[in-house]
Amino acid sequence: MRGSLTRALTGALGLIAAAAGQVATAVPVAADSVVVGGRQVQISDAPWVVALSSRDRFGGTRAGQFCGGVVVAPTKVLTAAHCLGREVLGGEPWEVRDFVVIAGRAALRGQGGQEVRISDTWVNPDYDPTTNSGDLAVLTLRSPLPQSYVIGVAPAGDAAYAPGTAADVYGWGDTTGNGTYASTLRTARVQVLPDSACERAYPGGFGVPYRSDTMLCAGDPQGGRDACQGDSGGPLVAKGLLVGLVSWGSGCGQAENPGVYTRVSAVLPTRF
C-alpha cells in the first residue's frame, strides 16, 4: 500500500536500508509514498507541510525524513498512524531519541525553518494496521509553531470532499515509483474521486478493501499523478482545507489504482 499497504512501509524500509548501505526488499504492509508527476513548491506556499525525521534511524542524506505531516494547531501535527509503527521506527516513538518535525523548510538539507522535538504522540485507538482503516496519529510539539503554519480541517459534508474537486497532495517521497526520492518539497494536482473508484480498485478479496467511512479516494483519472513511497502522512488539500492524509495504494500514478487517503473529518478526535 502506497503500494497496497506496501507503499508507506516499503519506502521507509528503503530509507533504512539506504542508511545502512543495504538493498531493501518490498514488504507488503502500510503506505509510505512520494509525489509522482508533480512539481517543486516553495514552503511559503504550503507552510502547513512538515517532515517527520530521525537521522539516527534513516540517515542524514535526506535529513532523516521518513514521512510527512500537517500542522493543524501551533503544537499539533497530524500524520499517518502507520508512520509511528515499530516496523518503521524500530521501537516506540518515545524511544527514538532524535525524533523531530522539520517545519518551514522545503529543501530537507537546506537552511531556515526549525526542527521541533515531540513531547507526546496519540495514535487513533481504532486504527487497524491490517486494513489501514483509521490511519491517523497526532503529534504534540514541545514548542509552538507560528499560527501562520496552521491549516484548517474540512468538516464532514464540506464541498471540499465532493467528487471532482481539485486537490493537491504534498510530500518528499518517490517521484517516479522507482525509488527516486525528492530532496525538496513537491506537490501534485489530483482530484477527489467517487468512492466507487476505489471500491472497484480495492474490493478486498486477497487484498485490502477500501472503506468509505474512514478513507478518501483521490487521484488522476488518466494516471501519472499521485502520492508514492515516502509521502505517507502528508496532506491532501482541497479548497484551502485539509481533507486527507496519504495512507495507502497500489503502485504510484496508475489510473486504475487511485491513492487512498485517511478521511480526516471522520477520524480526527473532536478534541486533540
Protein backbone atom coordinates (compact mmCIF):
# COMPACT_ATOMS: atom_id res chain seq x y z
CA MET A 1 0.00 0.00 0.00
CA ARG A 2 1.47 3.04 -1.23
CA GLY A 3 1.85 0.32 -2.55
CA SER A 4 -1.41 -1.57 -1.24
CA LEU A 5 -0.31 -1.48 2.32
CA THR A 6 3.19 -1.64 0.85
CA ARG A 7 3.82 1.89 -0.30
CA ALA A 8 4.42 3.59 3.02
CA LEU A 9 6.33 0.92 4.82
CA THR A 10 8.33 -0.14 1.79
CA GLY A 11 9.52 3.43 1.36
CA ALA A 12 10.51 3.74 4.98
CA LEU A 13 12.36 0.43 4.91
CA GLY A 14 14.12 1.54 1.75
CA LEU A 15 15.39 4.62 3.56
CA ILE A 16 16.55 2.49 6.48
CA ALA A 17 18.41 0.17 4.14
CA ALA A 18 19.97 3.06 2.26
CA ALA A 19 21.22 4.50 5.53
CA ALA A 20 22.79 1.12 6.29
CA GLY A 21 24.18 0.67 2.78
CA GLN A 22 21.86 -2.26 2.06
CA VAL A 23 19.24 -3.07 -0.56
CA ALA A 24 15.65 -3.24 0.74
CA THR A 25 13.07 -5.73 -0.44
CA ALA A 26 9.41 -4.82 -0.80
CA VAL A 27 7.32 -5.53 2.29
CA PRO A 28 3.52 -5.64 1.93
CA VAL A 29 2.47 -3.56 4.90
CA ALA A 30 1.41 0.09 5.21
CA ALA A 31 1.55 3.10 2.95
CA ASP A 32 4.65 5.21 2.51
CA SER A 33 4.51 7.41 -0.59
CA VAL A 34 6.10 10.24 -2.69
CA VAL A 35 4.60 12.73 -5.12
CA VAL A 36 4.63 11.38 -8.70
CA GLY A 37 4.02 13.69 -11.66
CA GLY A 38 4.27 16.83 -9.57
CA ARG A 39 6.36 19.97 -9.29
CA GLN A 40 8.53 21.71 -6.72
CA VAL A 41 6.76 24.09 -4.35
CA GLN A 42 8.00 26.81 -2.03
CA ILE A 43 7.35 26.25 1.66
CA SER A 44 5.83 29.74 1.84
CA ASP A 45 3.03 28.43 -0.39
CA ALA A 46 2.35 25.46 1.90
CA PRO A 47 3.73 26.25 5.38
CA TRP A 48 1.49 23.61 6.96
CA VAL A 49 3.53 20.77 5.39
CA VAL A 50 6.18 19.25 7.67
CA ALA A 51 8.60 16.34 7.52
CA LEU A 52 8.97 13.67 10.19
CA SER A 53 12.65 12.98 10.80
CA SER A 54 15.09 10.72 12.62
CA ARG A 55 18.67 10.85 11.38
CA ASP A 56 19.64 8.05 13.75
CA ARG A 57 17.11 5.77 12.12
CA PHE A 58 17.08 6.93 8.49
CA GLY A 59 20.45 8.61 7.98
CA GLY A 60 21.37 12.16 7.07
CA THR A 61 21.09 12.04 3.28
CA ARG A 62 17.52 13.39 3.36
CA ALA A 63 17.80 14.90 6.85
CA GLY A 64 16.24 11.75 8.28
CA GLN A 65 12.87 12.32 6.58
CA PHE A 66 10.64 9.23 6.51
CA CYS A 67 7.03 10.51 6.49
CA GLY A 68 5.09 13.72 6.10
CA GLY A 69 2.73 15.59 8.39
CA VAL A 70 0.48 18.63 8.52
CA VAL A 71 0.14 21.40 11.12
CA VAL A 72 -3.44 21.81 12.39
CA ALA A 73 -2.65 23.83 15.53
CA PRO A 74 0.56 25.54 16.72
CA THR A 75 1.56 22.49 18.77
CA LYS A 76 -0.32 19.75 16.87
CA VAL A 77 0.76 17.82 13.77
CA LEU A 78 -1.31 15.12 12.07
CA THR A 79 0.36 12.18 10.35
CA ALA A 80 -0.45 8.59 9.42
CA ALA A 81 -0.63 6.11 12.29
CA HIS A 82 1.42 3.61 10.32
CA CYS A 83 4.33 6.08 10.30
CA LEU A 84 4.67 5.51 14.05
CA GLY A 85 4.65 1.71 13.88
CA ARG A 86 7.50 -0.38 15.28
CA GLU A 87 8.26 -1.66 11.76
CA VAL A 88 9.08 1.89 10.72
CA LEU A 89 10.66 3.37 13.85
CA GLY A 90 12.25 0.23 15.22
CA GLY A 91 10.53 0.82 18.56
CA GLU A 92 8.03 3.11 20.20
CA PRO A 93 8.06 6.82 19.19
CA TRP A 94 9.37 7.94 22.58
CA GLU A 95 12.32 5.57 22.20
CA VAL A 96 13.55 7.41 19.09
CA ARG A 97 15.84 9.97 20.72
CA ASP A 98 16.13 12.35 17.76
CA PHE A 99 12.52 12.18 16.50
CA VAL A 100 11.68 15.71 15.28
CA VAL A 101 9.32 17.57 12.99
CA ILE A 102 11.07 19.71 10.35
CA ALA A 103 8.90 22.78 9.68
CA GLY A 104 9.30 25.83 7.47
CA ARG A 105 11.81 24.15 5.14
CA ALA A 106 11.20 22.92 1.57
CA ALA A 107 14.74 21.61 0.95
CA LEU A 108 15.33 18.93 3.55
CA ARG A 109 19.03 19.73 3.91
CA GLY A 110 18.59 23.44 3.29
CA GLN A 111 18.67 26.39 5.63
CA GLY A 112 15.85 28.05 7.51
CA GLY A 113 12.85 26.67 9.26
CA GLN A 114 13.13 24.80 12.52
CA GLU A 115 13.36 21.30 13.92
CA VAL A 116 10.97 20.77 16.82
CA ARG A 117 11.06 17.91 19.29
CA ILE A 118 7.91 15.93 20.05
CA SER A 119 6.54 15.81 23.58
CA ASP A 120 3.69 13.35 23.08
CA THR A 121 2.06 11.09 20.49
CA TRP A 122 -1.53 9.89 20.14
CA VAL A 123 -2.42 7.04 17.79
CA ASN A 124 -6.06 6.58 16.86
CA PRO A 125 -7.21 3.66 19.06
CA ASP A 126 -9.45 2.47 16.20
CA TYR A 127 -6.54 2.24 13.76
CA ASP A 128 -6.40 -1.22 12.18
CA PRO A 129 -2.90 -1.96 10.81
CA THR A 130 -4.18 -4.89 8.77
CA THR A 131 -6.57 -2.74 6.74
CA ASN A 132 -5.15 0.75 7.41
CA SER A 133 -8.60 1.91 8.47
CA GLY A 134 -8.42 4.93 10.80
CA ASP A 135 -4.81 5.66 9.77
CA LEU A 136 -4.21 8.82 11.83
CA ALA A 137 -1.93 9.95 14.64
CA VAL A 138 -1.43 13.28 16.42
CA LEU A 139 1.99 14.59 17.44
CA THR A 140 2.26 17.21 20.18
CA LEU A 141 5.23 19.54 19.78
CA ARG A 142 7.41 20.76 22.64
CA SER A 143 7.29 24.33 21.34
CA PRO A 144 4.63 26.01 19.19
CA LEU A 145 4.93 26.81 15.51
CA PRO A 146 3.62 30.13 14.16
CA GLN A 147 -0.13 30.39 13.74
CA SER A 148 0.51 31.13 10.06
CA TYR A 149 1.62 27.50 9.60
CA VAL A 150 -1.80 26.14 10.59
CA ILE A 151 -4.31 24.85 8.03
CA GLY A 152 -7.99 24.29 8.73
CA VAL A 153 -9.66 20.89 8.52
CA ALA A 154 -12.69 20.50 6.25
CA PRO A 155 -15.69 19.32 8.31
CA ALA A 156 -17.75 16.31 7.26
CA GLY A 157 -20.03 17.15 4.37
CA ASP A 158 -17.91 20.09 3.20
CA ALA A 159 -17.82 20.76 -0.55
CA ALA A 160 -14.08 20.03 -0.48
CA TYR A 161 -14.93 16.30 -0.26
CA ALA A 162 -17.14 16.33 -3.36
CA PRO A 163 -16.03 14.06 -6.24
CA GLY A 164 -14.37 16.06 -9.00
CA THR A 165 -12.94 18.67 -6.61
CA ALA A 166 -9.35 19.62 -7.45
CA ALA A 167 -6.91 18.74 -4.68
CA ASP A 168 -3.18 18.95 -4.05
CA VAL A 169 -1.02 16.33 -2.37
CA TYR A 170 2.36 17.26 -0.88
CA GLY A 171 5.47 15.33 0.07
CA TRP A 172 9.14 14.46 -0.26
CA GLY A 173 8.51 10.93 -1.47
CA ASP A 174 9.28 8.90 -4.56
CA THR A 175 8.81 10.96 -7.70
CA THR A 176 8.90 8.06 -10.18
CA GLY A 177 7.70 4.96 -8.32
CA ASN A 178 11.18 3.52 -8.71
CA GLY A 179 12.89 4.82 -5.59
CA THR A 180 13.85 8.30 -6.84
CA TYR A 181 13.22 10.36 -3.72
CA ALA A 182 12.82 14.12 -3.68
CA SER A 183 15.02 16.33 -1.53
CA THR A 184 12.75 19.34 -2.00
CA LEU A 185 9.04 19.55 -1.27
CA ARG A 186 6.80 18.68 -4.20
CA THR A 187 3.09 18.84 -4.93
CA ALA A 188 0.82 17.19 -7.48
CA ARG A 189 -2.67 18.18 -8.60
CA VAL A 190 -5.16 15.34 -8.36
CA GLN A 191 -8.90 15.27 -7.79
CA VAL A 192 -11.25 13.80 -5.25
CA LEU A 193 -12.76 10.70 -6.83
CA PRO A 194 -16.06 8.98 -6.10
CA ASP A 195 -15.81 6.20 -3.52
CA SER A 196 -16.85 3.78 -6.25
CA ALA A 197 -13.49 4.31 -7.99
CA CYS A 198 -11.57 2.95 -5.01
CA GLU A 199 -14.21 0.31 -4.27
CA ARG A 200 -13.59 -1.06 -7.77
CA ALA A 201 -9.81 -0.84 -7.41
CA TYR A 202 -9.69 -2.30 -3.91
CA PRO A 203 -12.67 -4.66 -3.42
CA GLY A 204 -10.91 -6.83 -0.87
CA GLY A 205 -10.58 -10.47 -1.79
CA PHE A 206 -6.89 -11.24 -1.46
CA GLY A 207 -6.09 -7.59 -0.82
CA VAL A 208 -7.28 -4.82 1.50
CA PRO A 209 -10.77 -3.37 0.94
CA TYR A 210 -11.47 0.33 0.57
CA ARG A 211 -13.68 1.69 3.37
CA SER A 212 -15.51 4.91 2.55
CA ASP A 213 -16.33 5.60 6.21
CA THR A 214 -12.67 6.21 7.14
CA MET A 215 -10.97 6.56 3.75
CA LEU A 216 -10.99 9.05 0.87
CA CYS A 217 -10.27 8.27 -2.78
CA ALA A 218 -8.20 10.69 -4.89
CA GLY A 219 -6.02 10.59 -7.98
CA ASP A 220 -5.80 11.44 -11.66
CA PRO A 221 -8.36 9.57 -13.80
CA GLN A 222 -5.74 9.48 -16.57
CA GLY A 223 -2.96 8.36 -14.26
CA GLY A 224 0.52 9.85 -13.87
CA ARG A 225 -0.06 11.96 -10.75
CA ASP A 226 -0.19 10.51 -7.28
CA ALA A 227 1.43 10.18 -3.88
CA CYS A 228 4.04 7.45 -3.53
CA GLN A 229 6.57 5.89 -1.13
CA GLY A 230 7.80 8.42 1.39
CA ASP A 231 4.70 10.63 1.19
CA SER A 232 2.75 8.82 3.92
CA GLY A 233 1.12 11.12 6.46
CA GLY A 234 1.36 14.12 4.15
CA PRO A 235 -1.65 16.33 3.42
CA LEU A 236 -4.28 16.27 0.70
CA VAL A 237 -5.69 19.81 0.46
CA ALA A 238 -8.86 20.88 -1.38
CA LYS A 239 -10.44 24.35 -1.43
CA GLY A 240 -7.76 25.52 1.01
CA LEU A 241 -8.67 22.92 3.66
CA LEU A 242 -7.19 19.62 4.80
CA VAL A 243 -9.31 16.67 3.64
CA GLY A 244 -6.94 13.70 3.73
CA LEU A 245 -3.63 12.18 4.79
CA VAL A 246 -1.60 9.99 2.44
CA SER A 247 -2.30 6.44 3.59
CA TRP A 248 -2.02 3.65 1.02
CA GLY A 249 -2.49 2.47 -2.54
CA SER A 250 -1.20 0.01 -5.12
CA GLY A 251 1.67 1.29 -7.22
CA CYS A 252 2.10 5.00 -7.91
CA GLY A 253 0.34 7.08 -10.54
CA GLN A 254 -1.70 4.24 -12.02
CA ALA A 255 -5.12 5.34 -13.28
CA GLU A 256 -6.75 2.06 -12.26
CA ASN A 257 -5.30 2.22 -8.73
CA PRO A 258 -6.07 5.64 -7.17
CA GLY A 259 -4.49 6.83 -3.96
CA VAL A 260 -6.27 6.10 -0.69
CA TYR A 261 -6.20 8.78 2.00
CA THR A 262 -7.36 8.92 5.59
CA ARG A 263 -10.68 10.79 5.66
CA VAL A 264 -9.62 13.31 8.30
CA SER A 265 -13.11 14.55 9.19
CA ALA A 266 -14.16 11.00 10.08
CA VAL A 267 -11.13 10.06 12.17
CA LEU A 268 -9.82 13.22 13.87
CA PRO A 269 -10.95 13.43 17.50
CA THR A 270 -13.12 16.42 18.35
CA ARG A 271 -10.50 17.50 20.93
CA PHE A 272 -6.81 16.88 20.47
